[in-house]
Amino acid sequence: MKSRRKVALYACSIVACVFVIAIQVSIATAFVAANAEQLQRLVNEAHDQFQDVKEGAPADYIPELAKVPAELFGVAIVTARGEVYTAGDVDYAFSIQSVSKPFTAALVMQQQGSDAIAQKIGVEPTGLKFNAILATQIIPQVSVNPLVNSGAIASVSMVQAKNAKERFDTILDFFNRLSGAKLKVLEDVYKSEAATNQRNRAHAYILAASDRIYSDPMEAVDVYTRQCSIGVTAKQLGVMGATLANGGVNPITNQRVLDAKYVPKVLAIMMMAGFYNESGMWAYTAGLPAKTGVGGGIVAVVPGSMAIVGFSPRVNDAGNSVRATKAIEYITDQLGANLFGSGK
């Protein structure tokens, strides 16, 4: 019986491997078929087609974000070979906000291994809003996953450092190497967010009460707030995503930033929880690992091929940029890059 079970498990693993290889070959074929002219055309088309969409509005629960011009809109593709294709406002530095979360989780994995995230935070989606206190009360693990606020604050607290300054500097240095740029905190956004982050402070204290935070709670909240206030352009975010697409190697600088073995783990949590409580619909329509932020940015990753980025401050009730979502869906559909298969 045991031998039969081993054979069955072995057969299943072979099928799984074949399935993964088939997906990768399909993606690679779509990528090869899309030459430079086609990729630039798709970026232009996505920008032109959705630039007049008026749905959504800039997030206002952080007062400084409400001041960002609502009509800004940029679209970018950065390939795993370092090619860059852009349209629109791709050089405007917006606050990275929650798009930062998977990258900090990646840093923790790089320092402590992927099991640290799974065991000390979790990887399950909540099905609730990204800042829901309710999720911490009805889910026994409390922090649940590193892409909701409670788990993201826990991620920050796990970054190895002697004090708050060293912890933030470590995060910023990691982001700089991912983007191949010198990123800076948008101080007006930081001050605005720090003055209105009472809910995040509550998350930190709830985590502390359950032994699910790993530094001083208020220190973790402050570092997390500074992290969310880092300014990034659509083009720079594209390079960060393309580093994941390229197996952890920045395609512009050719520097290895993240060990390749952690990239699938990061992409998995992005697929399951990257679009907040619209993650299921995103998987249904686009089928790519992605992360959004209320600053208006979205990065989606086509493993082995490219990152597709959209930026527009008009976000919906879930906190996802309406124009950016539509633009990335359009490009993904046209390329046939959906990981689960495409009719294109």
C-alpha atoms as a PDB file:
ATOM      1  CA  MET A   1       0.000   0.000   0.000  1.00  0.00           C
ATOM      2  CA  LYS A   2       2.821   2.383   0.931  1.00  0.00           C
ATOM      3  CA  SER A   3       4.635   1.696  -2.322  1.00  0.00           C
ATOM      4  CA  ARG A   4       1.455   2.397  -4.295  1.00  0.00           C
ATOM      5  CA  ARG A   5       1.014   5.648  -2.396  1.00  0.00           C
ATOM      6  CA  LYS A   6       4.598   6.662  -3.150  1.00  0.00           C
ATOM      7  CA  VAL A   7       4.070   5.868  -6.832  1.00  0.00           C
ATOM      8  CA  ALA A   8       0.846   7.896  -6.850  1.00  0.00           C
ATOM      9  CA  LEU A   9       2.536  10.858  -5.162  1.00  0.00           C
ATOM     10  CA  TYR A  10       5.462  10.616  -7.569  1.00  0.00           C
ATOM     11  CA  ALA A  11       3.072  10.564 -10.521  1.00  0.00           C
ATOM     12  CA  CYS A  12       1.212  13.592  -9.154  1.00  0.00           C
ATOM     13  CA  SER A  13       4.470  15.496  -8.722  1.00  0.00           C
ATOM     14  CA  ILE A  14       5.418  14.730 -12.336  1.00  0.00           C
ATOM     15  CA  VAL A  15       2.024  15.987 -13.531  1.00  0.00           C
ATOM     16  CA  ALA A  16       2.435  19.142 -11.447  1.00  0.00           C
ATOM     17  CA  CYS A  17       5.912  19.743 -12.867  1.00  0.00           C
ATOM     18  CA  VAL A  18       4.679  19.218 -16.415  1.00  0.00           C
ATOM     19  CA  PHE A  19       1.837  21.664 -15.760  1.00  0.00           C
ATOM     20  CA  VAL A  20       4.201  24.322 -14.407  1.00  0.00           C
ATOM     21  CA  ILE A  21       6.609  23.815 -17.323  1.00  0.00           C
ATOM     22  CA  ALA A  22       3.716  24.086 -19.775  1.00  0.00           C
ATOM     23  CA  ILE A  23       2.663  27.392 -18.222  1.00  0.00           C
ATOM     24  CA  GLN A  24       6.217  28.707 -18.367  1.00  0.00           C
ATOM     25  CA  VAL A  25       6.630  27.638 -22.000  1.00  0.00           C
ATOM     26  CA  SER A  26       3.292  29.261 -22.876  1.00  0.00           C
ATOM     27  CA  ILE A  27       4.334  32.521 -21.233  1.00  0.00           C
ATOM     28  CA  ALA A  28       7.762  32.427 -22.850  1.00  0.00           C
ATOM     29  CA  THR A  29       6.161  31.850 -26.267  1.00  0.00           C
ATOM     30  CA  ALA A  30       3.818  34.807 -25.792  1.00  0.00           C
ATOM     31  CA  PHE A  31       6.733  36.984 -24.690  1.00  0.00           C
ATOM     32  CA  VAL A  32       8.965  36.022 -27.614  1.00  0.00           C
ATOM     33  CA  ALA A  33       6.093  36.684 -30.001  1.00  0.00           C
ATOM     34  CA  ALA A  34       5.688  40.190 -28.601  1.00  0.00           C
ATOM     35  CA  ASN A  35       8.487  42.304 -30.053  1.00  0.00           C
ATOM     36  CA  ALA A  36       9.502  45.793 -28.987  1.00  0.00           C
ATOM     37  CA  GLU A  37       7.122  47.495 -31.404  1.00  0.00           C
ATOM     38  CA  GLN A  38       4.171  45.437 -30.173  1.00  0.00           C
ATOM     39  CA  LEU A  39       4.926  46.037 -26.497  1.00  0.00           C
ATOM     40  CA  GLN A  40       5.168  49.783 -27.019  1.00  0.00           C
ATOM     41  CA  ARG A  41       1.952  49.716 -29.034  1.00  0.00           C
ATOM     42  CA  LEU A  42       0.141  47.870 -26.238  1.00  0.00           C
ATOM     43  CA  VAL A  43       1.348  50.351 -23.628  1.00  0.00           C
ATOM     44  CA  ASN A  44       0.163  53.243 -25.812  1.00  0.00           C
ATOM     45  CA  GLU A  45      -3.185  51.597 -26.494  1.00  0.00           C
ATOM     46  CA  ALA A  46      -3.807  50.866 -22.801  1.00  0.00           C
ATOM     47  CA  HIS A  47      -3.031  54.459 -21.894  1.00  0.00           C
ATOM     48  CA  ASP A  48      -5.154  55.937 -24.679  1.00  0.00           C
ATOM     49  CA  GLN A  49      -8.091  53.626 -24.060  1.00  0.00           C
ATOM     50  CA  PHE A  50      -8.452  54.266 -20.311  1.00  0.00           C
ATOM     51  CA  GLN A  51      -7.103  57.781 -19.724  1.00  0.00           C
ATOM     52  CA  ASP A  52     -10.603  59.270 -19.697  1.00  0.00           C
ATOM     53  CA  VAL A  53     -12.079  56.806 -17.185  1.00  0.00           C
ATOM     54  CA  LYS A  54     -13.585  58.849 -14.354  1.00  0.00           C
ATOM     55  CA  GLU A  55     -14.444  56.057 -11.931  1.00  0.00           C
ATOM     56  CA  GLY A  56     -12.893  56.184  -8.487  1.00  0.00           C
ATOM     57  CA  ALA A  57     -11.192  59.036  -6.643  1.00  0.00           C
ATOM     58  CA  PRO A  58      -7.885  59.658  -4.852  1.00  0.00           C
ATOM     59  CA  ALA A  59      -7.774  58.075  -1.393  1.00  0.00           C
ATOM     60  CA  ASP A  60      -8.635  60.702   1.230  1.00  0.00           C
ATOM     61  CA  TYR A  61      -8.236  58.854   4.527  1.00  0.00           C
ATOM     62  CA  ILE A  62      -4.606  59.971   4.268  1.00  0.00           C
ATOM     63  CA  PRO A  63      -5.165  63.716   3.685  1.00  0.00           C
ATOM     64  CA  GLU A  64      -2.024  64.246   1.602  1.00  0.00           C
ATOM     65  CA  LEU A  65      -3.095  61.579  -0.913  1.00  0.00           C
ATOM     66  CA  ALA A  66      -6.279  63.522  -1.639  1.00  0.00           C
ATOM     67  CA  LYS A  67      -4.097  66.321  -3.040  1.00  0.00           C
ATOM     68  CA  VAL A  68      -2.552  64.163  -5.773  1.00  0.00           C
ATOM     69  CA  PRO A  69      -3.902  65.227  -9.214  1.00  0.00           C
ATOM     70  CA  ALA A  70      -6.618  62.715 -10.079  1.00  0.00           C
ATOM     71  CA  GLU A  71      -5.916  62.707 -13.821  1.00  0.00           C
ATOM     72  CA  LEU A  72      -2.341  61.436 -13.589  1.00  0.00           C
ATOM     73  CA  PHE A  73      -2.023  58.148 -15.451  1.00  0.00           C
ATOM     74  CA  GLY A  74       0.991  56.137 -16.447  1.00  0.00           C
ATOM     75  CA  VAL A  75       1.541  52.664 -17.913  1.00  0.00           C
ATOM     76  CA  ALA A  76       4.827  50.792 -18.120  1.00  0.00           C
ATOM     77  CA  ILE A  77       6.255  47.436 -19.120  1.00  0.00           C
ATOM     78  CA  VAL A  78       9.736  46.440 -17.978  1.00  0.00           C
ATOM     79  CA  THR A  79      10.940  43.115 -19.313  1.00  0.00           C
ATOM     80  CA  ALA A  80      13.175  40.543 -17.655  1.00  0.00           C
ATOM     81  CA  ARG A  81      15.789  41.570 -20.226  1.00  0.00           C
ATOM     82  CA  GLY A  82      15.719  45.182 -19.038  1.00  0.00           C
ATOM     83  CA  GLU A  83      13.708  46.698 -21.892  1.00  0.00           C
ATOM     84  CA  VAL A  84      11.397  49.548 -20.847  1.00  0.00           C
ATOM     85  CA  TYR A  85       8.190  50.656 -22.593  1.00  0.00           C
ATOM     86  CA  THR A  86       6.131  53.527 -21.216  1.00  0.00           C
ATOM     87  CA  ALA A  87       3.225  55.877 -21.835  1.00  0.00           C
ATOM     88  CA  GLY A  88       1.868  58.764 -19.809  1.00  0.00           C
ATOM     89  CA  ASP A  89       2.941  59.959 -16.376  1.00  0.00           C
ATOM     90  CA  VAL A  90       5.585  57.315 -15.654  1.00  0.00           C
ATOM     91  CA  ASP A  91       8.113  59.706 -14.057  1.00  0.00           C
ATOM     92  CA  TYR A  92       5.785  61.104 -11.388  1.00  0.00           C
ATOM     93  CA  ALA A  93       6.858  59.922  -7.913  1.00  0.00           C
ATOM     94  CA  PHE A  94       3.797  58.692  -5.992  1.00  0.00           C
ATOM     95  CA  SER A  95       3.752  57.065  -2.565  1.00  0.00           C
ATOM     96  CA  ILE A  96       4.285  53.335  -2.847  1.00  0.00           C
ATOM     97  CA  GLN A  97       1.876  52.537  -0.006  1.00  0.00           C
ATOM     98  CA  SER A  98       0.817  48.863   0.080  1.00  0.00           C
ATOM     99  CA  VAL A  99       2.735  47.977  -3.075  1.00  0.00           C
ATOM    100  CA  SER A 100       5.691  47.922  -0.674  1.00  0.00           C
ATOM    101  CA  LYS A 101       4.333  44.951   1.278  1.00  0.00           C
ATOM    102  CA  PRO A 102       5.474  41.975  -0.824  1.00  0.00           C
ATOM    103  CA  PHE A 103       8.935  43.481  -1.188  1.00  0.00           C
ATOM    104  CA  THR A 104       9.373  43.780   2.595  1.00  0.00           C
ATOM    105  CA  ALA A 105       8.130  40.203   2.936  1.00  0.00           C
ATOM    106  CA  ALA A 106      10.792  39.255   0.370  1.00  0.00           C
ATOM    107  CA  LEU A 107      13.427  41.008   2.496  1.00  0.00           C
ATOM    108  CA  VAL A 108      12.355  39.003   5.547  1.00  0.00           C
ATOM    109  CA  MET A 109      12.594  35.809   3.494  1.00  0.00           C
ATOM    110  CA  GLN A 110      16.054  36.803   2.321  1.00  0.00           C
ATOM    111  CA  GLN A 111      17.157  37.353   5.917  1.00  0.00           C
ATOM    112  CA  GLN A 112      15.349  34.488   7.661  1.00  0.00           C
ATOM    113  CA  GLY A 113      13.935  32.085   5.049  1.00  0.00           C
ATOM    114  CA  SER A 114      10.411  31.667   3.725  1.00  0.00           C
ATOM    115  CA  ASP A 115       9.263  29.579   6.708  1.00  0.00           C
ATOM    116  CA  ALA A 116       9.610  32.648   8.907  1.00  0.00           C
ATOM    117  CA  ILE A 117       6.815  34.379   6.982  1.00  0.00           C
ATOM    118  CA  ALA A 118       4.597  31.297   6.981  1.00  0.00           C
ATOM    119  CA  GLN A 119       5.042  30.570  10.671  1.00  0.00           C
ATOM    120  CA  LYS A 120       5.231  34.037  12.241  1.00  0.00           C
ATOM    121  CA  ILE A 121       2.710  35.853  10.006  1.00  0.00           C
ATOM    122  CA  GLY A 122       0.844  33.456   7.699  1.00  0.00           C
ATOM    123  CA  VAL A 123      -0.030  33.335   4.019  1.00  0.00           C
ATOM    124  CA  GLU A 124      -3.823  32.970   3.900  1.00  0.00           C
ATOM    125  CA  PRO A 125      -6.086  35.677   2.412  1.00  0.00           C
ATOM    126  CA  THR A 126      -8.653  37.257   4.724  1.00  0.00           C
ATOM    127  CA  GLY A 127     -11.434  38.108   2.259  1.00  0.00           C
ATOM    128  CA  LEU A 128     -11.808  41.408   4.132  1.00  0.00           C
ATOM    129  CA  LYS A 129     -10.500  44.949   3.618  1.00  0.00           C
ATOM    130  CA  PHE A 130      -6.767  45.476   3.932  1.00  0.00           C
ATOM    131  CA  ASN A 131      -7.098  47.393   7.211  1.00  0.00           C
ATOM    132  CA  ALA A 132      -9.945  45.404   8.769  1.00  0.00           C
ATOM    133  CA  ILE A 133      -9.711  45.074  12.542  1.00  0.00           C
ATOM    134  CA  LEU A 134     -12.374  42.378  12.264  1.00  0.00           C
ATOM    135  CA  ALA A 135      -9.934  40.041  10.494  1.00  0.00           C
ATOM    136  CA  THR A 136      -7.628  40.082  13.524  1.00  0.00           C
ATOM    137  CA  GLN A 137     -10.539  39.081  15.756  1.00  0.00           C
ATOM    138  CA  ILE A 138     -12.109  36.229  13.797  1.00  0.00           C
ATOM    139  CA  ILE A 139      -8.939  34.583  12.455  1.00  0.00           C
ATOM    140  CA  PRO A 140      -6.931  32.766  15.145  1.00  0.00           C
ATOM    141  CA  GLN A 141      -3.526  33.584  13.633  1.00  0.00           C
ATOM    142  CA  VAL A 142      -4.343  37.338  13.903  1.00  0.00           C
ATOM    143  CA  SER A 143      -1.797  38.639  11.360  1.00  0.00           C
ATOM    144  CA  VAL A 144      -2.784  36.124   8.616  1.00  0.00           C
ATOM    145  CA  ASN A 145      -0.681  37.321   5.635  1.00  0.00           C
ATOM    146  CA  PRO A 146       1.956  39.995   4.945  1.00  0.00           C
ATOM    147  CA  LEU A 147      -0.154  41.900   2.406  1.00  0.00           C
ATOM    148  CA  VAL A 148      -2.817  43.164   4.819  1.00  0.00           C
ATOM    149  CA  ASN A 149      -1.909  45.886   7.288  1.00  0.00           C
ATOM    150  CA  SER A 150      -1.578  43.698  10.372  1.00  0.00           C
ATOM    151  CA  GLY A 151       0.716  41.249   8.581  1.00  0.00           C
ATOM    152  CA  ALA A 152       2.663  44.055   6.900  1.00  0.00           C
ATOM    153  CA  ILE A 153       3.377  45.706  10.245  1.00  0.00           C
ATOM    154  CA  ALA A 154       4.510  42.312  11.534  1.00  0.00           C
ATOM    155  CA  SER A 155       6.776  41.961   8.465  1.00  0.00           C
ATOM    156  CA  VAL A 156       8.433  45.282   9.233  1.00  0.00           C
ATOM    157  CA  SER A 157       8.957  44.208  12.840  1.00  0.00           C
ATOM    158  CA  MET A 158      10.781  41.087  11.601  1.00  0.00           C
ATOM    159  CA  VAL A 159      13.380  42.976   9.566  1.00  0.00           C
ATOM    160  CA  GLN A 160      16.648  42.381  11.394  1.00  0.00           C
ATOM    161  CA  ALA A 161      17.987  45.610  12.878  1.00  0.00           C
ATOM    162  CA  LYS A 162      19.199  47.133  16.151  1.00  0.00           C
ATOM    163  CA  ASN A 163      16.839  50.107  16.085  1.00  0.00           C
ATOM    164  CA  ALA A 164      14.147  51.866  14.060  1.00  0.00           C
ATOM    165  CA  LYS A 165      16.570  53.846  11.887  1.00  0.00           C
ATOM    166  CA  GLU A 166      18.574  50.773  10.948  1.00  0.00           C
ATOM    167  CA  ARG A 167      15.377  48.860  10.231  1.00  0.00           C
ATOM    168  CA  PHE A 168      14.079  51.509   7.841  1.00  0.00           C
ATOM    169  CA  ASP A 169      17.467  52.029   6.225  1.00  0.00           C
ATOM    170  CA  THR A 170      17.649  48.269   5.581  1.00  0.00           C
ATOM    171  CA  ILE A 171      14.234  48.340   3.924  1.00  0.00           C
ATOM    172  CA  LEU A 172      15.064  51.413   1.834  1.00  0.00           C
ATOM    173  CA  ASP A 173      18.381  49.918   0.704  1.00  0.00           C
ATOM    174  CA  PHE A 174      16.575  46.738  -0.378  1.00  0.00           C
ATOM    175  CA  PHE A 175      14.011  48.787  -2.322  1.00  0.00           C
ATOM    176  CA  ASN A 176      16.823  50.795  -3.927  1.00  0.00           C
ATOM    177  CA  ARG A 177      18.491  47.622  -5.143  1.00  0.00           C
ATOM    178  CA  LEU A 178      15.177  46.265  -6.440  1.00  0.00           C
ATOM    179  CA  SER A 179      14.467  49.462  -8.386  1.00  0.00           C
ATOM    180  CA  GLY A 180      18.029  50.326  -9.360  1.00  0.00           C
ATOM    181  CA  ALA A 181      17.326  53.848  -8.102  1.00  0.00           C
ATOM    182  CA  LYS A 182      17.776  56.069  -5.045  1.00  0.00           C
ATOM    183  CA  LEU A 183      14.272  56.277  -3.637  1.00  0.00           C
ATOM    184  CA  LYS A 184      13.224  58.881  -1.081  1.00  0.00           C
ATOM    185  CA  VAL A 185      10.472  59.264   1.482  1.00  0.00           C
ATOM    186  CA  LEU A 186       7.773  61.753   0.500  1.00  0.00           C
ATOM    187  CA  GLU A 187       7.898  63.646   3.800  1.00  0.00           C
ATOM    188  CA  ASP A 188       4.528  65.381   3.383  1.00  0.00           C
ATOM    189  CA  VAL A 189       2.859  62.004   2.882  1.00  0.00           C
ATOM    190  CA  TYR A 190       4.714  60.521   5.870  1.00  0.00           C
ATOM    191  CA  LYS A 191       3.652  63.360   8.178  1.00  0.00           C
ATOM    192  CA  SER A 192       0.066  63.165   6.964  1.00  0.00           C
ATOM    193  CA  GLU A 193      -0.095  59.411   7.371  1.00  0.00           C
ATOM    194  CA  ALA A 194       1.652  59.417  10.757  1.00  0.00           C
ATOM    195  CA  ALA A 195      -0.936  61.876  12.063  1.00  0.00           C
ATOM    196  CA  THR A 196      -3.861  59.692  10.973  1.00  0.00           C
ATOM    197  CA  ASN A 197      -2.633  56.100  11.492  1.00  0.00           C
ATOM    198  CA  GLN A 198      -4.602  55.307  14.649  1.00  0.00           C
ATOM    199  CA  ARG A 199      -6.025  52.157  13.052  1.00  0.00           C
ATOM    200  CA  ASN A 200      -2.556  50.831  12.301  1.00  0.00           C
ATOM    201  CA  ARG A 201      -1.531  51.551  15.886  1.00  0.00           C
ATOM    202  CA  ALA A 202      -4.522  49.469  16.968  1.00  0.00           C
ATOM    203  CA  HIS A 203      -3.364  46.650  14.686  1.00  0.00           C
ATOM    204  CA  ALA A 204       0.080  46.754  16.305  1.00  0.00           C
ATOM    205  CA  TYR A 205      -1.288  46.539  19.840  1.00  0.00           C
ATOM    206  CA  ILE A 206      -3.592  43.665  18.845  1.00  0.00           C
ATOM    207  CA  LEU A 207      -0.573  41.869  17.376  1.00  0.00           C
ATOM    208  CA  ALA A 208       1.397  42.519  20.577  1.00  0.00           C
ATOM    209  CA  ALA A 209      -1.419  41.087  22.717  1.00  0.00           C
ATOM    210  CA  SER A 210      -1.161  37.850  20.717  1.00  0.00           C
ATOM    211  CA  ASP A 211       2.666  37.743  20.520  1.00  0.00           C
ATOM    212  CA  ARG A 212       2.516  38.242  16.745  1.00  0.00           C
ATOM    213  CA  ILE A 213       4.746  41.301  16.500  1.00  0.00           C
ATOM    214  CA  TYR A 214       8.518  41.099  16.859  1.00  0.00           C
ATOM    215  CA  SER A 215       9.735  44.572  17.812  1.00  0.00           C
ATOM    216  CA  ASP A 216       8.289  47.464  19.779  1.00  0.00           C
ATOM    217  CA  PRO A 217       4.743  47.885  18.375  1.00  0.00           C
ATOM    218  CA  MET A 218       4.844  51.665  17.881  1.00  0.00           C
ATOM    219  CA  GLU A 219       8.326  51.496  16.392  1.00  0.00           C
ATOM    220  CA  ALA A 220       7.044  48.967  13.851  1.00  0.00           C
ATOM    221  CA  VAL A 221       4.093  51.205  12.969  1.00  0.00           C
ATOM    222  CA  ASP A 222       6.330  54.222  12.436  1.00  0.00           C
ATOM    223  CA  VAL A 223       8.785  52.322  10.234  1.00  0.00           C
ATOM    224  CA  TYR A 224       5.846  50.840   8.310  1.00  0.00           C
ATOM    225  CA  THR A 225       4.428  54.352   7.807  1.00  0.00           C
ATOM    226  CA  ARG A 226       7.763  55.602   6.460  1.00  0.00           C
ATOM    227  CA  GLN A 227       7.943  52.564   4.185  1.00  0.00           C
ATOM    228  CA  CYS A 228       4.507  53.317   2.737  1.00  0.00           C
ATOM    229  CA  SER A 229       5.557  56.937   2.152  1.00  0.00           C
ATOM    230  CA  ILE A 230       8.483  56.055  -0.100  1.00  0.00           C
ATOM    231  CA  GLY A 231       8.121  57.756  -3.470  1.00  0.00           C
ATOM    232  CA  VAL A 232       8.362  55.611  -6.573  1.00  0.00           C
ATOM    233  CA  THR A 233       7.619  56.202 -10.248  1.00  0.00           C
ATOM    234  CA  ALA A 234       5.771  53.766 -12.483  1.00  0.00           C
ATOM    235  CA  LYS A 235       9.037  53.140 -14.311  1.00  0.00           C
ATOM    236  CA  GLN A 236      10.924  52.390 -11.070  1.00  0.00           C
ATOM    237  CA  LEU A 237       8.120  50.155  -9.844  1.00  0.00           C
ATOM    238  CA  GLY A 238       8.324  48.335 -13.154  1.00  0.00           C
ATOM    239  CA  VAL A 239      11.983  47.552 -12.502  1.00  0.00           C
ATOM    240  CA  MET A 240      11.088  46.252  -9.023  1.00  0.00           C
ATOM    241  CA  GLY A 241       8.506  43.948 -10.565  1.00  0.00           C
ATOM    242  CA  ALA A 242      10.839  42.927 -13.370  1.00  0.00           C
ATOM    243  CA  THR A 243      13.413  41.901 -10.740  1.00  0.00           C
ATOM    244  CA  LEU A 244      10.872  39.362  -9.505  1.00  0.00           C
ATOM    245  CA  ALA A 245      10.092  38.336 -13.084  1.00  0.00           C
ATOM    246  CA  ASN A 246      13.823  37.832 -13.620  1.00  0.00           C
ATOM    247  CA  GLY A 247      14.213  35.416 -10.720  1.00  0.00           C
ATOM    248  CA  GLY A 248      15.466  38.012  -8.240  1.00  0.00           C
ATOM    249  CA  VAL A 249      18.083  39.650 -10.494  1.00  0.00           C
ATOM    250  CA  ASN A 250      17.595  43.323 -11.334  1.00  0.00           C
ATOM    251  CA  PRO A 251      17.509  43.351 -15.168  1.00  0.00           C
ATOM    252  CA  ILE A 252      18.930  46.884 -15.349  1.00  0.00           C
ATOM    253  CA  THR A 253      21.839  46.570 -12.899  1.00  0.00           C
ATOM    254  CA  ASN A 254      22.250  42.774 -13.243  1.00  0.00           C
ATOM    255  CA  GLN A 255      22.586  42.621  -9.448  1.00  0.00           C
ATOM    256  CA  ARG A 256      21.050  39.679  -7.622  1.00  0.00           C
ATOM    257  CA  VAL A 257      18.753  41.196  -5.022  1.00  0.00           C
ATOM    258  CA  LEU A 258      16.675  38.193  -3.938  1.00  0.00           C
ATOM    259  CA  ASP A 259      17.520  34.503  -3.976  1.00  0.00           C
ATOM    260  CA  ALA A 260      15.611  32.777  -6.768  1.00  0.00           C
ATOM    261  CA  LYS A 261      14.110  30.207  -4.378  1.00  0.00           C
ATOM    262  CA  TYR A 262      12.072  32.930  -2.656  1.00  0.00           C
ATOM    263  CA  VAL A 263      10.558  34.448  -5.807  1.00  0.00           C
ATOM    264  CA  PRO A 264       7.756  31.818  -6.143  1.00  0.00           C
ATOM    265  CA  LYS A 265       6.824  32.398  -2.492  1.00  0.00           C
ATOM    266  CA  VAL A 266       6.527  36.154  -3.013  1.00  0.00           C
ATOM    267  CA  LEU A 267       4.497  35.702  -6.194  1.00  0.00           C
ATOM    268  CA  ALA A 268       2.193  33.223  -4.446  1.00  0.00           C
ATOM    269  CA  ILE A 269       1.181  35.690  -1.740  1.00  0.00           C
ATOM    270  CA  MET A 270       0.755  38.376  -4.401  1.00  0.00           C
ATOM    271  CA  MET A 271      -1.632  36.124  -6.322  1.00  0.00           C
ATOM    272  CA  MET A 272      -3.670  35.228  -3.246  1.00  0.00           C
ATOM    273  CA  ALA A 273      -3.894  38.620  -1.539  1.00  0.00           C
ATOM    274  CA  GLY A 274      -2.353  41.295  -3.752  1.00  0.00           C
ATOM    275  CA  PHE A 275      -5.651  42.925  -4.742  1.00  0.00           C
ATOM    276  CA  TYR A 276      -7.048  43.047  -1.227  1.00  0.00           C
ATOM    277  CA  ASN A 277     -10.607  41.722  -1.108  1.00  0.00           C
ATOM    278  CA  GLU A 278     -10.798  41.817  -4.927  1.00  0.00           C
ATOM    279  CA  SER A 279      -7.990  39.265  -5.281  1.00  0.00           C
ATOM    280  CA  GLY A 280     -10.346  36.529  -6.430  1.00  0.00           C
ATOM    281  CA  MET A 281     -11.788  38.667  -9.221  1.00  0.00           C
ATOM    282  CA  TRP A 282      -8.294  39.742 -10.269  1.00  0.00           C
ATOM    283  CA  ALA A 283      -7.185  36.108 -10.525  1.00  0.00           C
ATOM    284  CA  TYR A 284     -10.375  35.386 -12.477  1.00  0.00           C
ATOM    285  CA  THR A 285      -9.853  38.196 -14.999  1.00  0.00           C
ATOM    286  CA  ALA A 286      -6.076  38.723 -15.235  1.00  0.00           C
ATOM    287  CA  GLY A 287      -4.492  35.687 -13.595  1.00  0.00           C
ATOM    288  CA  LEU A 288      -1.203  37.338 -12.618  1.00  0.00           C
ATOM    289  CA  PRO A 289       0.553  37.893  -9.278  1.00  0.00           C
ATOM    290  CA  ALA A 290       0.090  41.578  -8.510  1.00  0.00           C
ATOM    291  CA  LYS A 291       0.102  44.167  -5.754  1.00  0.00           C
ATOM    292  CA  THR A 292      -1.853  47.364  -5.474  1.00  0.00           C
ATOM    293  CA  GLY A 293      -1.636  50.421  -3.242  1.00  0.00           C
ATOM    294  CA  VAL A 294      -3.957  53.290  -2.362  1.00  0.00           C
ATOM    295  CA  GLY A 295      -1.355  55.665  -3.803  1.00  0.00           C
ATOM    296  CA  GLY A 296      -2.610  54.483  -7.185  1.00  0.00           C
ATOM    297  CA  GLY A 297       0.142  52.085  -8.202  1.00  0.00           C
ATOM    298  CA  ILE A 298      -0.209  48.473  -9.311  1.00  0.00           C
ATOM    299  CA  VAL A 299       2.559  46.089 -10.313  1.00  0.00           C
ATOM    300  CA  ALA A 300       1.775  42.753 -11.985  1.00  0.00           C
ATOM    301  CA  VAL A 301       4.404  40.115 -12.710  1.00  0.00           C
ATOM    302  CA  VAL A 302       4.579  37.708 -15.637  1.00  0.00           C
ATOM    303  CA  PRO A 303       7.137  35.203 -14.270  1.00  0.00           C
ATOM    304  CA  GLY A 304      10.196  34.908 -16.473  1.00  0.00           C
ATOM    305  CA  SER A 305       9.018  37.647 -18.805  1.00  0.00           C
ATOM    306  CA  MET A 306       8.052  41.089 -17.541  1.00  0.00           C
ATOM    307  CA  ALA A 307       6.351  43.378 -15.086  1.00  0.00           C
ATOM    308  CA  ILE A 308       3.322  45.421 -16.114  1.00  0.00           C
ATOM    309  CA  VAL A 309       2.659  48.578 -14.100  1.00  0.00           C
ATOM    310  CA  GLY A 310      -0.184  51.041 -13.991  1.00  0.00           C
ATOM    311  CA  PHE A 311      -0.469  54.228 -11.958  1.00  0.00           C
ATOM    312  CA  SER A 312      -3.514  56.406 -11.455  1.00  0.00           C
ATOM    313  CA  PRO A 313      -4.738  57.982  -8.181  1.00  0.00           C
ATOM    314  CA  ARG A 314      -8.377  57.154  -8.892  1.00  0.00           C
ATOM    315  CA  VAL A 315      -9.004  54.144  -6.627  1.00  0.00           C
ATOM    316  CA  ASN A 316     -12.202  52.203  -5.965  1.00  0.00           C
ATOM    317  CA  ASP A 317     -13.714  51.241  -2.594  1.00  0.00           C
ATOM    318  CA  ALA A 318     -11.291  48.331  -2.254  1.00  0.00           C
ATOM    319  CA  GLY A 319      -8.306  50.676  -2.675  1.00  0.00           C
ATOM    320  CA  ASN A 320      -7.377  49.516  -6.182  1.00  0.00           C
ATOM    321  CA  SER A 321      -6.618  51.965  -9.001  1.00  0.00           C
ATOM    322  CA  VAL A 322      -9.418  51.769 -11.569  1.00  0.00           C
ATOM    323  CA  ARG A 323      -7.439  52.947 -14.604  1.00  0.00           C
ATOM    324  CA  ALA A 324      -4.359  50.915 -13.692  1.00  0.00           C
ATOM    325  CA  THR A 325      -6.441  47.774 -13.234  1.00  0.00           C
ATOM    326  CA  LYS A 326      -8.069  48.183 -16.636  1.00  0.00           C
ATOM    327  CA  ALA A 327      -4.769  48.953 -18.362  1.00  0.00           C
ATOM    328  CA  ILE A 328      -2.986  45.897 -16.956  1.00  0.00           C
ATOM    329  CA  GLU A 329      -5.948  43.641 -17.723  1.00  0.00           C
ATOM    330  CA  TYR A 330      -5.934  44.896 -21.309  1.00  0.00           C
ATOM    331  CA  ILE A 331      -2.214  44.286 -21.833  1.00  0.00           C
ATOM    332  CA  THR A 332      -2.393  40.883 -20.156  1.00  0.00           C
ATOM    333  CA  ASP A 333      -5.293  39.856 -22.362  1.00  0.00           C
ATOM    334  CA  GLN A 334      -3.632  41.054 -25.536  1.00  0.00           C
ATOM    335  CA  LEU A 335      -0.425  39.175 -24.713  1.00  0.00           C
ATOM    336  CA  GLY A 336      -2.237  36.041 -23.575  1.00  0.00           C
ATOM    337  CA  ALA A 337      -0.146  36.240 -20.390  1.00  0.00           C
ATOM    338  CA  ASN A 338      -2.793  34.967 -17.942  1.00  0.00           C
ATOM    339  CA  LEU A 339      -1.062  32.184 -15.986  1.00  0.00           C
ATOM    340  CA  PHE A 340      -4.170  30.036 -16.121  1.00  0.00           C
ATOM    341  CA  GLY A 341      -4.502  30.234 -19.883  1.00  0.00           C
ATOM    342  CA  SER A 342      -5.994  32.688 -22.326  1.00  0.00           C
ATOM    343  CA  GLY A 343      -8.335  32.668 -25.286  1.00  0.00           C
ATOM    344  CA  LYS A 344      -5.982  34.965 -27.189  1.00  0.00           C
END
